[in-house]
Amino acid sequence: MTDTLLRIGASFAALMADYRAAQSQLSALQHEADRTAAEAGLVYGSSAWSAHRFAVTGRTVHHVNGVYEKLEDLAQAIAAIRATCLPGLLIKARAHQFAGNHAAIIHEIEALAEASTQEAA
C-alpha cells in the first residue's frame, strides 16, 4: 500500500504543479483578453466580448478543467489508501486539502499514531 500511495502521490504532485502553472497562464490570458477586448471597443459581458475571451482562453480553460478532474480522481484514490508512514501522511494531507476536507487528516494522523503505538508494544 505504501508504494501505491507514494506512486499516486507523485502523480498528484506533478498534476498539482501542472494545475498551478495552467491557472497562472489562464489568469494572464484572461487579462490579455480583457485588455484587447477593451482596445477593440467590445462591451464587457457582451456576446462579442465573450466570444473574444473564449477565443483567447478557451484551450487553456479546457486544460485547467481536465487537470482539475484528474486531481479530483487522484484525491479520491489517495483518500482510500491508509497511510503507514509520514511521507504517505503528507500525501494524504495534500489530497484532503485539495478536496477541501481539511479535518479528514486528523483521523489519518490518529490512525497512524495508533498503528505506531501498537507496533511499539
Protein backbone atom coordinates (compact mmCIF):
# COMPACT_ATOMS: atom_id res chain seq x y z
CA MET A 1 0.00 0.00 0.00
CA THR A 2 2.82 2.42 0.79
CA ASP A 3 4.35 2.02 -2.69
CA THR A 4 0.96 2.61 -4.27
CA LEU A 5 0.36 5.70 -2.15
CA LEU A 6 3.82 7.09 -2.95
CA ARG A 7 3.34 6.42 -6.68
CA ILE A 8 -0.11 8.03 -6.76
CA GLY A 9 1.22 10.85 -4.60
CA ALA A 10 3.97 11.56 -7.13
CA SER A 11 1.36 11.73 -9.89
CA PHE A 12 -0.77 14.01 -7.72
CA ALA A 13 2.19 16.34 -7.07
CA ALA A 14 3.05 16.52 -10.78
CA LEU A 15 -0.57 17.27 -11.68
CA MET A 16 -0.76 19.96 -8.96
CA ALA A 17 2.30 21.66 -10.47
CA ASP A 18 0.68 21.48 -13.91
CA TYR A 19 -2.61 22.79 -12.49
CA ARG A 20 -0.96 25.77 -10.79
CA ALA A 21 1.00 26.64 -13.92
CA ALA A 22 -2.12 26.34 -16.08
CA GLN A 23 -4.11 28.53 -13.67
CA SER A 24 -1.36 31.15 -13.81
CA GLN A 25 -1.34 31.02 -17.61
CA LEU A 26 -5.14 31.27 -17.67
CA SER A 27 -5.08 34.34 -15.44
CA ALA A 28 -2.57 36.03 -17.74
CA LEU A 29 -4.63 35.12 -20.81
CA GLN A 30 -7.80 36.47 -19.19
CA HIS A 31 -6.10 39.80 -18.50
CA GLU A 32 -4.78 39.89 -22.06
CA ALA A 33 -8.22 39.05 -23.48
CA ASP A 34 -9.86 41.76 -21.38
CA ARG A 35 -7.23 44.30 -22.44
CA THR A 36 -7.53 43.51 -26.15
CA ALA A 37 -11.34 43.43 -25.92
CA ALA A 38 -11.35 46.89 -24.34
CA GLU A 39 -8.97 48.17 -27.02
CA ALA A 40 -11.33 46.79 -29.67
CA GLY A 41 -14.26 48.57 -28.01
CA LEU A 42 -16.07 45.37 -27.04
CA VAL A 43 -18.60 45.89 -24.25
CA TYR A 44 -17.82 43.85 -21.14
CA GLY A 45 -20.23 40.90 -20.91
CA SER A 46 -21.48 41.22 -24.49
CA SER A 47 -21.58 38.19 -26.75
CA ALA A 48 -18.73 39.66 -28.82
CA TRP A 49 -16.66 40.15 -25.65
CA SER A 50 -17.45 36.57 -24.55
CA ALA A 51 -16.53 35.15 -27.95
CA HIS A 52 -13.25 37.08 -27.90
CA ARG A 53 -12.40 35.95 -24.39
CA PHE A 54 -13.18 32.32 -25.21
CA ALA A 55 -11.08 32.53 -28.37
CA VAL A 56 -8.12 33.70 -26.30
CA THR A 57 -8.59 31.48 -23.23
CA GLY A 58 -10.72 28.51 -24.34
CA ARG A 59 -7.98 25.95 -24.85
CA THR A 60 -6.36 26.79 -21.52
CA VAL A 61 -9.73 26.68 -19.74
CA HIS A 62 -10.28 23.16 -21.08
CA HIS A 63 -6.79 22.16 -19.95
CA VAL A 64 -7.32 23.58 -16.43
CA ASN A 65 -10.67 21.78 -16.14
CA GLY A 66 -9.20 18.50 -17.37
CA VAL A 67 -6.32 18.62 -14.90
CA TYR A 68 -8.73 19.51 -12.08
CA GLU A 69 -10.87 16.44 -12.86
CA LYS A 70 -7.77 14.22 -12.80
CA LEU A 71 -6.75 15.75 -9.46
CA GLU A 72 -10.22 15.02 -8.05
CA ASP A 73 -9.92 11.39 -9.14
CA LEU A 74 -6.45 11.04 -7.62
CA ALA A 75 -7.55 12.73 -4.38
CA GLN A 76 -10.35 10.16 -4.06
CA ALA A 77 -7.93 7.31 -4.75
CA ILE A 78 -5.48 8.68 -2.18
CA ALA A 79 -8.24 9.04 0.43
CA ALA A 80 -8.99 5.31 0.15
CA ILE A 81 -5.41 4.25 0.95
CA ARG A 82 -4.22 4.00 4.55
CA ALA A 83 -1.02 5.89 5.33
CA THR A 84 1.64 3.77 7.04
CA CYS A 85 4.43 6.36 7.11
CA LEU A 86 4.90 10.11 7.42
CA PRO A 87 5.52 10.70 3.68
CA GLY A 88 2.25 8.89 2.98
CA LEU A 89 0.51 11.00 5.59
CA LEU A 90 1.80 14.15 3.90
CA ILE A 91 0.45 12.95 0.55
CA LYS A 92 -2.93 12.30 2.15
CA ALA A 93 -2.90 15.74 3.80
CA ARG A 94 -2.30 17.42 0.44
CA ALA A 95 -5.08 15.40 -1.18
CA HIS A 96 -7.50 16.24 1.64
CA GLN A 97 -6.51 19.91 1.40
CA PHE A 98 -7.15 19.89 -2.35
CA ALA A 99 -10.56 18.29 -1.79
CA GLY A 100 -11.41 20.92 0.83
CA ASN A 101 -11.67 18.26 3.52
CA HIS A 102 -9.06 19.63 5.92
CA ALA A 103 -10.42 17.91 9.03
CA ALA A 104 -10.08 14.43 7.49
CA ILE A 105 -6.34 14.43 8.06
CA ILE A 106 -6.89 14.37 11.84
CA HIS A 107 -8.37 10.87 11.54
CA GLU A 108 -5.41 9.83 9.39
CA ILE A 109 -2.91 11.13 11.97
CA GLU A 110 -4.75 9.35 14.77
CA ALA A 111 -4.79 6.07 12.82
CA LEU A 112 -1.07 6.29 12.07
CA ALA A 113 -0.29 7.15 15.70
CA GLU A 114 -2.37 4.20 16.92
CA ALA A 115 -0.65 1.82 14.50
CA SER A 116 2.76 3.10 15.63
CA THR A 117 1.80 2.63 19.28
CA GLN A 118 0.64 -0.94 18.62
CA GLU A 119 3.88 -1.75 16.78
CA ALA A 120 5.92 -0.39 19.69
CA ALA A 121 4.04 -2.52 22.21
